[in-house]
Amino acid sequence: NAAATQVAVEQSRSMSENARALALINMAISDAQASVFETKYLYRLWRPETAIRAGDTDGNLLTRGDPTFMPFVLTPCFPSYASAHGSSSGAAREVLERVFGPRHHSITLANPAVPGVVLQYSTFWQITSDIDDARVYGGIHFRFDQEAGAKQGKKVGSYVYRNTLRRRHGEGECP
């Protein structure tokens, strides 16, 4: 929402255009979350923490376990595949790119939980790439979790954009 709001201001969008954009983004995120949790419990794949600790027991002679492995991020207590962050950020990105265009933006993001860290972006892809990397480098997802989540989210975002909150006849074309 912070990125969408900044780009909406940058592009001088009307209040109704901004309301529609934010509604579409949040609908896509919500639908992506519902979809990805169904996927998680269909496949029930373990997380890196479990896989790395149990490397000696996976039947692959080329892997060794490390029972002392600890991820940098606290591991959620549900299956890994597909990534919920990947799915929701992929859904949001799909809507954002359709509404505002994929690049040439000026987006600044910060979080009070990490004072002094300010991130600058010019594309929505850069934001989702950072989200993906954070989940992998943090030790709670495999890269394929992120990729599958992003792909699933993109499909959800595309569906939401095409099929919800459509303009009425005579109000102009959707952006």
N, C-alpha and C. Protein backbone atom coordinates (compact mmCIF):
# COMPACT_ATOMS: atom_id res chain seq x y z
N ASN A 1 0.82 -1.20 0.00
CA ASN A 1 0.00 0.00 0.00
C ASN A 1 0.86 1.26 0.00
N ALA A 2 1.98 1.21 0.71
CA ALA A 2 2.86 2.38 0.73
C ALA A 2 3.42 2.66 -0.66
N ALA A 3 3.85 1.63 -1.34
CA ALA A 3 4.39 1.80 -2.70
C ALA A 3 3.30 2.30 -3.64
N ALA A 4 2.11 1.72 -3.55
CA ALA A 4 1.00 2.12 -4.42
C ALA A 4 0.64 3.58 -4.18
N THR A 5 0.59 3.98 -2.93
CA THR A 5 0.23 5.36 -2.59
C THR A 5 1.25 6.34 -3.15
N GLN A 6 2.53 6.01 -3.01
CA GLN A 6 3.57 6.90 -3.54
C GLN A 6 3.48 7.04 -5.05
N VAL A 7 3.26 5.94 -5.74
CA VAL A 7 3.19 5.99 -7.20
C VAL A 7 1.91 6.70 -7.65
N ALA A 8 0.82 6.50 -6.92
CA ALA A 8 -0.43 7.18 -7.25
C ALA A 8 -0.26 8.69 -7.16
N VAL A 9 0.42 9.15 -6.11
CA VAL A 9 0.68 10.59 -5.95
C VAL A 9 1.59 11.07 -7.08
N GLU A 10 2.63 10.27 -7.36
CA GLU A 10 3.59 10.61 -8.42
C GLU A 10 2.87 10.78 -9.77
N GLN A 11 1.86 9.96 -10.02
CA GLN A 11 1.15 9.99 -11.30
C GLN A 11 -0.10 10.87 -11.27
N SER A 12 -0.34 11.55 -10.16
CA SER A 12 -1.49 12.47 -10.01
C SER A 12 -2.81 11.79 -10.32
N ARG A 13 -3.00 10.62 -9.77
CA ARG A 13 -4.26 9.89 -9.96
C ARG A 13 -5.39 10.53 -9.15
N SER A 14 -6.62 10.34 -9.62
CA SER A 14 -7.77 10.87 -8.90
C SER A 14 -8.06 10.01 -7.67
N MET A 15 -8.89 10.53 -6.77
CA MET A 15 -9.23 9.80 -5.56
C MET A 15 -9.94 8.48 -5.91
N SER A 16 -10.83 8.51 -6.88
CA SER A 16 -11.54 7.27 -7.24
C SER A 16 -10.60 6.26 -7.90
N GLU A 17 -9.65 6.73 -8.72
CA GLU A 17 -8.66 5.82 -9.31
C GLU A 17 -7.78 5.21 -8.23
N ASN A 18 -7.38 6.01 -7.25
CA ASN A 18 -6.56 5.51 -6.15
C ASN A 18 -7.32 4.50 -5.30
N ALA A 19 -8.57 4.80 -5.01
CA ALA A 19 -9.39 3.88 -4.21
C ALA A 19 -9.54 2.54 -4.93
N ARG A 20 -9.78 2.60 -6.23
CA ARG A 20 -9.90 1.36 -7.01
C ARG A 20 -8.59 0.58 -7.00
N ALA A 21 -7.48 1.28 -7.21
CA ALA A 21 -6.17 0.61 -7.23
C ALA A 21 -5.87 -0.06 -5.90
N LEU A 22 -6.07 0.65 -4.80
CA LEU A 22 -5.81 0.07 -3.48
C LEU A 22 -6.74 -1.09 -3.18
N ALA A 23 -8.00 -0.97 -3.59
CA ALA A 23 -8.94 -2.08 -3.38
C ALA A 23 -8.50 -3.31 -4.17
N LEU A 24 -8.13 -3.11 -5.43
CA LEU A 24 -7.67 -4.24 -6.25
C LEU A 24 -6.43 -4.91 -5.67
N ILE A 25 -5.48 -4.10 -5.22
CA ILE A 25 -4.25 -4.65 -4.64
C ILE A 25 -4.57 -5.49 -3.41
N ASN A 26 -5.40 -4.96 -2.53
CA ASN A 26 -5.69 -5.68 -1.30
C ASN A 26 -6.59 -6.89 -1.52
N MET A 27 -7.47 -6.83 -2.51
CA MET A 27 -8.26 -8.01 -2.88
C MET A 27 -7.34 -9.10 -3.42
N ALA A 28 -6.39 -8.71 -4.26
CA ALA A 28 -5.46 -9.68 -4.84
C ALA A 28 -4.59 -10.32 -3.75
N ILE A 29 -4.11 -9.52 -2.82
CA ILE A 29 -3.31 -10.06 -1.72
C ILE A 29 -4.13 -11.06 -0.90
N SER A 30 -5.34 -10.67 -0.56
CA SER A 30 -6.20 -11.55 0.24
C SER A 30 -6.51 -12.85 -0.48
N ASP A 31 -6.85 -12.76 -1.75
CA ASP A 31 -7.15 -13.97 -2.53
C ASP A 31 -5.91 -14.84 -2.70
N ALA A 32 -4.76 -14.21 -2.88
CA ALA A 32 -3.51 -14.96 -3.01
C ALA A 32 -3.20 -15.72 -1.72
N GLN A 33 -3.45 -15.10 -0.58
CA GLN A 33 -3.22 -15.78 0.69
C GLN A 33 -4.12 -17.00 0.85
N ALA A 34 -5.38 -16.86 0.51
CA ALA A 34 -6.30 -18.00 0.59
C ALA A 34 -5.83 -19.13 -0.33
N SER A 35 -5.44 -18.77 -1.52
CA SER A 35 -5.00 -19.74 -2.51
C SER A 35 -3.72 -20.45 -2.07
N VAL A 36 -2.74 -19.69 -1.57
CA VAL A 36 -1.45 -20.29 -1.24
C VAL A 36 -1.55 -21.19 0.00
N PHE A 37 -2.42 -20.87 0.93
CA PHE A 37 -2.53 -21.76 2.09
C PHE A 37 -3.20 -23.07 1.72
N GLU A 38 -4.07 -23.05 0.74
CA GLU A 38 -4.60 -24.32 0.23
C GLU A 38 -3.47 -25.13 -0.40
N THR A 39 -2.60 -24.46 -1.14
CA THR A 39 -1.44 -25.12 -1.76
C THR A 39 -0.50 -25.69 -0.71
N LYS A 40 -0.22 -24.91 0.33
CA LYS A 40 0.69 -25.37 1.39
C LYS A 40 0.22 -26.70 1.99
N TYR A 41 -1.06 -26.79 2.26
CA TYR A 41 -1.55 -28.00 2.92
C TYR A 41 -1.86 -29.13 1.93
N LEU A 42 -1.83 -28.84 0.66
CA LEU A 42 -1.91 -29.90 -0.34
C LEU A 42 -0.56 -30.60 -0.45
N TYR A 43 0.53 -29.83 -0.54
CA TYR A 43 1.86 -30.41 -0.75
C TYR A 43 2.62 -30.71 0.54
N ARG A 44 2.41 -29.93 1.58
CA ARG A 44 3.04 -30.15 2.89
C ARG A 44 4.56 -30.36 2.82
N LEU A 45 5.27 -29.49 2.13
CA LEU A 45 6.73 -29.61 2.03
C LEU A 45 7.42 -28.98 3.23
N TRP A 46 8.50 -29.62 3.64
CA TRP A 46 9.24 -29.13 4.80
C TRP A 46 10.00 -27.87 4.48
N ARG A 47 10.36 -27.17 5.53
CA ARG A 47 11.12 -25.93 5.42
C ARG A 47 12.62 -26.24 5.49
N PRO A 48 13.46 -25.27 5.08
CA PRO A 48 14.90 -25.49 5.13
C PRO A 48 15.40 -25.92 6.51
N GLU A 49 14.85 -25.33 7.56
CA GLU A 49 15.29 -25.68 8.91
C GLU A 49 15.18 -27.18 9.16
N THR A 50 14.05 -27.76 8.82
CA THR A 50 13.84 -29.20 9.01
C THR A 50 14.71 -30.00 8.06
N ALA A 51 14.76 -29.57 6.79
CA ALA A 51 15.53 -30.30 5.79
C ALA A 51 17.02 -30.32 6.13
N ILE A 52 17.56 -29.19 6.56
CA ILE A 52 18.99 -29.11 6.87
C ILE A 52 19.32 -29.92 8.12
N ARG A 53 18.48 -29.83 9.11
CA ARG A 53 18.73 -30.59 10.34
C ARG A 53 18.63 -32.09 10.10
N ALA A 54 17.73 -32.51 9.20
CA ALA A 54 17.49 -33.93 8.96
C ALA A 54 18.18 -34.44 7.70
N GLY A 55 19.21 -33.74 7.23
CA GLY A 55 19.90 -34.13 6.01
C GLY A 55 20.44 -35.55 6.01
N ASP A 56 20.78 -36.10 7.17
CA ASP A 56 21.28 -37.47 7.26
C ASP A 56 20.18 -38.51 7.05
N THR A 57 18.95 -38.10 7.16
CA THR A 57 17.84 -39.07 7.12
C THR A 57 16.99 -38.96 5.87
N ASP A 58 17.43 -38.20 4.88
CA ASP A 58 16.58 -37.96 3.71
C ASP A 58 16.76 -38.99 2.59
N GLY A 59 17.62 -39.98 2.81
CA GLY A 59 17.82 -41.02 1.81
C GLY A 59 18.81 -40.64 0.72
N ASN A 60 19.36 -39.45 0.78
CA ASN A 60 20.33 -38.99 -0.21
C ASN A 60 21.72 -39.04 0.43
N LEU A 61 22.60 -39.88 -0.09
CA LEU A 61 23.94 -40.03 0.48
C LEU A 61 24.80 -38.78 0.30
N LEU A 62 24.39 -37.87 -0.56
CA LEU A 62 25.17 -36.65 -0.81
C LEU A 62 24.84 -35.53 0.17
N THR A 63 23.84 -35.71 1.00
CA THR A 63 23.52 -34.66 1.97
C THR A 63 23.89 -35.11 3.37
N ARG A 64 24.32 -34.14 4.15
CA ARG A 64 24.63 -34.38 5.56
C ARG A 64 23.78 -33.43 6.39
N GLY A 65 23.31 -33.91 7.50
CA GLY A 65 22.50 -33.08 8.37
C GLY A 65 23.35 -32.16 9.22
N ASP A 66 22.74 -31.09 9.65
CA ASP A 66 23.36 -30.17 10.59
C ASP A 66 22.33 -29.87 11.68
N PRO A 67 22.35 -30.65 12.77
CA PRO A 67 21.34 -30.48 13.81
C PRO A 67 21.42 -29.14 14.53
N THR A 68 22.48 -28.38 14.30
CA THR A 68 22.62 -27.08 14.96
C THR A 68 22.14 -25.91 14.10
N PHE A 69 21.70 -26.18 12.86
CA PHE A 69 21.29 -25.11 11.96
C PHE A 69 20.14 -24.31 12.57
N MET A 70 20.26 -22.99 12.49
CA MET A 70 19.21 -22.06 12.92
C MET A 70 19.02 -21.01 11.83
N PRO A 71 17.79 -20.82 11.37
CA PRO A 71 17.55 -19.76 10.38
C PRO A 71 17.69 -18.39 11.04
N PHE A 72 17.88 -17.36 10.21
CA PHE A 72 17.97 -15.99 10.72
C PHE A 72 16.59 -15.45 11.10
N VAL A 73 15.55 -15.99 10.46
CA VAL A 73 14.18 -15.55 10.70
C VAL A 73 13.45 -16.69 11.40
N LEU A 74 12.63 -16.37 12.38
CA LEU A 74 11.85 -17.38 13.09
C LEU A 74 10.97 -18.13 12.08
N THR A 75 11.07 -19.45 12.09
CA THR A 75 10.35 -20.27 11.11
C THR A 75 8.87 -20.38 11.45
N PRO A 76 7.99 -20.03 10.50
CA PRO A 76 6.56 -20.20 10.74
C PRO A 76 6.20 -21.68 10.91
N CYS A 77 5.10 -21.93 11.58
CA CYS A 77 4.73 -23.31 11.92
C CYS A 77 3.73 -23.91 10.91
N PHE A 78 3.95 -23.68 9.65
CA PHE A 78 3.14 -24.29 8.60
C PHE A 78 4.05 -24.61 7.42
N PRO A 79 3.57 -25.43 6.49
CA PRO A 79 4.44 -25.89 5.39
C PRO A 79 5.03 -24.75 4.56
N SER A 80 6.13 -25.08 3.89
CA SER A 80 6.92 -24.10 3.17
C SER A 80 6.39 -23.75 1.78
N TYR A 81 5.92 -24.73 1.05
CA TYR A 81 5.60 -24.56 -0.38
C TYR A 81 4.12 -24.34 -0.58
N ALA A 82 3.79 -23.35 -1.27
CA ALA A 82 4.54 -22.26 -1.87
C ALA A 82 4.61 -21.10 -0.87
N SER A 83 5.50 -20.17 -1.11
CA SER A 83 5.69 -19.06 -0.19
C SER A 83 4.49 -18.12 -0.18
N ALA A 84 3.98 -17.87 1.02
CA ALA A 84 2.85 -16.93 1.14
C ALA A 84 3.30 -15.50 0.83
N HIS A 85 4.51 -15.13 1.28
CA HIS A 85 5.02 -13.80 0.94
C HIS A 85 5.23 -13.68 -0.57
N GLY A 86 5.74 -14.75 -1.19
CA GLY A 86 5.91 -14.74 -2.64
C GLY A 86 4.59 -14.59 -3.37
N SER A 87 3.57 -15.28 -2.87
CA SER A 87 2.26 -15.24 -3.50
C SER A 87 1.60 -13.87 -3.34
N SER A 88 1.59 -13.34 -2.12
CA SER A 88 0.92 -12.06 -1.91
C SER A 88 1.67 -10.92 -2.59
N SER A 89 3.01 -10.94 -2.54
CA SER A 89 3.74 -9.87 -3.22
C SER A 89 3.63 -10.00 -4.73
N GLY A 90 3.57 -11.25 -5.24
CA GLY A 90 3.38 -11.45 -6.67
C GLY A 90 2.02 -10.96 -7.14
N ALA A 91 0.99 -11.19 -6.33
CA ALA A 91 -0.36 -10.71 -6.67
C ALA A 91 -0.40 -9.19 -6.67
N ALA A 92 0.19 -8.59 -5.64
CA ALA A 92 0.21 -7.12 -5.56
C ALA A 92 0.98 -6.53 -6.73
N ARG A 93 2.13 -7.13 -7.03
CA ARG A 93 2.96 -6.64 -8.14
C ARG A 93 2.20 -6.68 -9.46
N GLU A 94 1.49 -7.78 -9.70
CA GLU A 94 0.73 -7.90 -10.94
C GLU A 94 -0.28 -6.77 -11.08
N VAL A 95 -1.01 -6.49 -10.02
CA VAL A 95 -1.99 -5.40 -10.06
C VAL A 95 -1.29 -4.05 -10.20
N LEU A 96 -0.25 -3.83 -9.40
CA LEU A 96 0.49 -2.56 -9.47
C LEU A 96 1.02 -2.28 -10.87
N GLU A 97 1.60 -3.29 -11.49
CA GLU A 97 2.15 -3.09 -12.84
C GLU A 97 1.06 -2.82 -13.86
N ARG A 98 -0.09 -3.46 -13.70
CA ARG A 98 -1.19 -3.22 -14.64
C ARG A 98 -1.79 -1.82 -14.45
N VAL A 99 -1.86 -1.37 -13.22
CA VAL A 99 -2.46 -0.06 -12.94
C VAL A 99 -1.49 1.09 -13.21
N PHE A 100 -0.25 0.95 -12.75
CA PHE A 100 0.70 2.07 -12.77
C PHE A 100 1.85 1.91 -13.76
N GLY A 101 1.98 0.75 -14.38
CA GLY A 101 3.13 0.49 -15.25
C GLY A 101 4.25 -0.16 -14.45
N PRO A 102 5.11 -0.92 -15.11
CA PRO A 102 6.11 -1.71 -14.38
C PRO A 102 7.35 -0.96 -13.90
N ARG A 103 7.66 0.21 -14.44
CA ARG A 103 8.94 0.84 -14.08
C ARG A 103 8.87 2.37 -14.14
N HIS A 104 10.02 2.95 -13.83
CA HIS A 104 10.21 4.41 -13.82
C HIS A 104 9.42 5.07 -12.69
N HIS A 105 9.48 4.44 -11.52
CA HIS A 105 8.82 4.99 -10.35
C HIS A 105 9.87 5.47 -9.37
N SER A 106 9.43 6.23 -8.39
CA SER A 106 10.31 6.66 -7.30
C SER A 106 9.65 6.24 -5.99
N ILE A 107 10.10 5.10 -5.45
CA ILE A 107 9.47 4.51 -4.28
C ILE A 107 10.50 4.43 -3.15
N THR A 108 10.13 4.92 -1.99
CA THR A 108 10.98 4.87 -0.81
C THR A 108 10.23 4.13 0.28
N LEU A 109 10.82 3.05 0.79
CA LEU A 109 10.19 2.26 1.84
C LEU A 109 11.10 2.17 3.06
N ALA A 110 10.50 2.24 4.23
CA ALA A 110 11.22 2.10 5.49
C ALA A 110 10.31 1.38 6.47
N ASN A 111 10.92 0.85 7.54
CA ASN A 111 10.16 0.13 8.55
C ASN A 111 10.67 0.57 9.92
N PRO A 112 9.78 1.02 10.81
CA PRO A 112 10.23 1.47 12.13
C PRO A 112 10.96 0.38 12.92
N ALA A 113 10.74 -0.88 12.58
CA ALA A 113 11.41 -1.99 13.28
C ALA A 113 12.90 -2.05 12.95
N VAL A 114 13.30 -1.43 11.84
CA VAL A 114 14.71 -1.39 11.46
C VAL A 114 15.10 0.06 11.16
N PRO A 115 15.28 0.85 12.22
CA PRO A 115 15.57 2.27 12.03
C PRO A 115 16.86 2.48 11.23
N GLY A 116 16.82 3.49 10.39
CA GLY A 116 18.00 3.82 9.60
C GLY A 116 18.09 3.08 8.27
N VAL A 117 17.23 2.10 8.06
CA VAL A 117 17.23 1.38 6.78
C VAL A 117 16.14 1.96 5.90
N VAL A 118 16.55 2.56 4.81
CA VAL A 118 15.63 3.16 3.84
C VAL A 118 15.93 2.53 2.49
N LEU A 119 14.92 1.99 1.86
CA LEU A 119 15.09 1.31 0.58
C LEU A 119 14.49 2.15 -0.54
N GLN A 120 15.22 2.24 -1.65
CA GLN A 120 14.79 3.01 -2.82
C GLN A 120 14.55 2.04 -3.98
N TYR A 121 13.43 2.21 -4.66
CA TYR A 121 13.09 1.34 -5.78
C TYR A 121 12.59 2.17 -6.95
N SER A 122 12.80 1.64 -8.16
CA SER A 122 12.23 2.27 -9.35
C SER A 122 11.30 1.32 -10.10
N THR A 123 11.25 0.06 -9.66
CA THR A 123 10.33 -0.92 -10.26
C THR A 123 9.69 -1.74 -9.14
N PHE A 124 8.53 -2.30 -9.44
CA PHE A 124 7.87 -3.19 -8.48
C PHE A 124 8.61 -4.54 -8.42
N TRP A 125 9.26 -4.91 -9.53
CA TRP A 125 10.04 -6.14 -9.55
C TRP A 125 11.15 -6.09 -8.49
N GLN A 126 11.78 -4.94 -8.32
CA GLN A 126 12.85 -4.82 -7.33
C GLN A 126 12.33 -5.10 -5.92
N ILE A 127 11.13 -4.66 -5.64
CA ILE A 127 10.54 -4.89 -4.32
C ILE A 127 10.28 -6.38 -4.11
N THR A 128 9.65 -7.03 -5.08
CA THR A 128 9.36 -8.46 -4.91
C THR A 128 10.64 -9.29 -4.90
N SER A 129 11.65 -8.85 -5.61
CA SER A 129 12.93 -9.55 -5.59
C SER A 129 13.55 -9.49 -4.19
N ASP A 130 13.49 -8.32 -3.56
CA ASP A 130 14.00 -8.19 -2.19
C ASP A 130 13.20 -9.06 -1.21
N ILE A 131 11.90 -9.12 -1.40
CA ILE A 131 11.07 -9.96 -0.54
C ILE A 131 11.49 -11.42 -0.69
N ASP A 132 11.65 -11.86 -1.93
CA ASP A 132 12.08 -13.24 -2.18
C ASP A 132 13.43 -13.53 -1.53
N ASP A 133 14.39 -12.66 -1.75
CA ASP A 133 15.72 -12.87 -1.19
C ASP A 133 15.69 -12.92 0.34
N ALA A 134 14.91 -12.05 0.95
CA ALA A 134 14.83 -12.02 2.41
C ALA A 134 14.33 -13.34 2.97
N ARG A 135 13.37 -13.96 2.31
CA ARG A 135 12.81 -15.23 2.79
C ARG A 135 13.81 -16.37 2.60
N VAL A 136 14.56 -16.35 1.50
CA VAL A 136 15.55 -17.40 1.25
C VAL A 136 16.77 -17.19 2.14
N TYR A 137 17.33 -15.98 2.13
CA TYR A 137 18.52 -15.72 2.95
C TYR A 137 18.22 -15.82 4.43
N GLY A 138 16.97 -15.55 4.80
CA GLY A 138 16.57 -15.68 6.20
C GLY A 138 16.49 -17.12 6.66
N GLY A 139 16.50 -18.05 5.69
CA GLY A 139 16.53 -19.47 6.02
C GLY A 139 15.18 -20.13 6.23
N ILE A 140 14.10 -19.47 5.79
CA ILE A 140 12.79 -20.08 6.03
C ILE A 140 12.09 -20.57 4.76
N HIS A 141 12.71 -20.31 3.60
CA HIS A 141 12.15 -20.79 2.34
C HIS A 141 13.26 -21.24 1.41
N PHE A 142 12.92 -22.19 0.56
CA PHE A 142 13.77 -22.54 -0.57
C PHE A 142 13.44 -21.57 -1.70
N ARG A 143 14.36 -21.39 -2.64
CA ARG A 143 14.10 -20.50 -3.77
C ARG A 143 12.87 -20.96 -4.56
N PHE A 144 12.70 -22.28 -4.72
CA PHE A 144 11.55 -22.75 -5.50
C PHE A 144 10.23 -22.43 -4.80
N ASP A 145 10.22 -22.29 -3.48
CA ASP A 145 9.01 -21.85 -2.77
C ASP A 145 8.62 -20.45 -3.21
N GLN A 146 9.62 -19.58 -3.28
CA GLN A 146 9.39 -18.19 -3.66
C GLN A 146 8.91 -18.10 -5.11
N GLU A 147 9.58 -18.85 -5.99
CA GLU A 147 9.21 -18.81 -7.41
C GLU A 147 7.79 -19.32 -7.63
N ALA A 148 7.43 -20.42 -6.96
CA ALA A 148 6.08 -20.96 -7.11
C ALA A 148 5.05 -20.00 -6.53
N GLY A 149 5.36 -19.40 -5.38
CA GLY A 149 4.44 -18.44 -4.78
C GLY A 149 4.22 -17.23 -5.68
N ALA A 150 5.31 -16.71 -6.26
CA ALA A 150 5.20 -15.56 -7.15
C ALA A 150 4.36 -15.88 -8.38
N LYS A 151 4.57 -17.07 -8.93
CA LYS A 151 3.80 -17.48 -10.12
C LYS A 151 2.31 -17.60 -9.77
N GLN A 152 2.03 -18.20 -8.63
CA GLN A 152 0.64 -18.34 -8.20
C GLN A 152 0.02 -16.97 -7.94
N GLY A 153 0.77 -16.10 -7.26
CA GLY A 153 0.27 -14.76 -6.99
C GLY A 153 0.02 -13.95 -8.24
N LYS A 154 0.89 -14.09 -9.23
CA LYS A 154 0.70 -13.37 -10.50
C LYS A 154 -0.61 -13.78 -11.16
N LYS A 155 -0.91 -15.07 -11.12
CA LYS A 155 -2.16 -15.55 -11.71
C LYS A 155 -3.37 -14.99 -10.96
N VAL A 156 -3.28 -14.98 -9.63
CA VAL A 156 -4.37 -14.44 -8.82
C VAL A 156 -4.53 -12.95 -9.10
N GLY A 157 -3.43 -12.20 -9.10
CA GLY A 157 -3.49 -10.77 -9.36
C GLY A 157 -4.08 -10.45 -10.72
N SER A 158 -3.70 -11.23 -11.71
CA SER A 158 -4.23 -11.04 -13.06
C SER A 158 -5.74 -11.29 -13.08
N TYR A 159 -6.16 -12.35 -12.43
CA TYR A 159 -7.60 -12.67 -12.38
C TYR A 159 -8.37 -11.55 -11.68
N VAL A 160 -7.88 -11.12 -10.53
CA VAL A 160 -8.57 -10.06 -9.78
C VAL A 160 -8.65 -8.79 -10.61
N TYR A 161 -7.56 -8.42 -11.26
CA TYR A 161 -7.56 -7.20 -12.07
C TYR A 161 -8.58 -7.28 -13.22
N ARG A 162 -8.61 -8.43 -13.89
CA ARG A 162 -9.50 -8.58 -15.05
C ARG A 162 -10.97 -8.73 -14.68
N ASN A 163 -11.26 -9.24 -13.49
CA ASN A 163 -12.63 -9.65 -13.20
C ASN A 163 -13.33 -8.94 -12.05
N THR A 164 -12.66 -8.05 -11.36
CA THR A 164 -13.32 -7.37 -10.25
C THR A 164 -13.18 -5.86 -10.39
N LEU A 165 -14.12 -5.15 -9.79
CA LEU A 165 -14.12 -3.68 -9.79
C LEU A 165 -13.92 -3.10 -11.18
N ARG A 166 -14.59 -3.71 -12.13
CA ARG A 166 -14.48 -3.22 -13.51
C ARG A 166 -15.30 -1.94 -13.65
N ARG A 167 -14.82 -1.07 -14.51
CA ARG A 167 -15.54 0.18 -14.75
C ARG A 167 -16.82 -0.08 -15.50
N ARG A 168 -17.83 0.74 -15.22
CA ARG A 168 -19.08 0.61 -15.92
C ARG A 168 -18.95 1.15 -17.33
N HIS A 169 -19.81 0.68 -18.23
CA HIS A 169 -19.79 1.13 -19.62
C HIS A 169 -19.93 2.65 -19.65
N GLY A 170 -19.08 3.28 -20.43
CA GLY A 170 -19.14 4.72 -20.58
C GLY A 170 -18.20 5.48 -19.66
N GLU A 171 -17.53 4.77 -18.76
CA GLU A 171 -16.61 5.45 -17.82
C GLU A 171 -15.17 5.39 -18.29
N GLY A 172 -14.94 4.97 -19.51
CA GLY A 172 -13.56 4.89 -20.00
C GLY A 172 -12.99 3.51 -19.82
N GLU A 173 -11.88 3.30 -20.44
CA GLU A 173 -11.20 2.01 -20.38
C GLU A 173 -10.41 1.87 -19.09
N CYS A 174 -10.24 0.64 -18.65
CA CYS A 174 -9.36 0.38 -17.52
C CYS A 174 -7.93 0.68 -17.95
N PRO A 175 -7.12 1.21 -17.03
CA PRO A 175 -5.73 1.52 -17.42
C PRO A 175 -4.96 0.28 -17.78
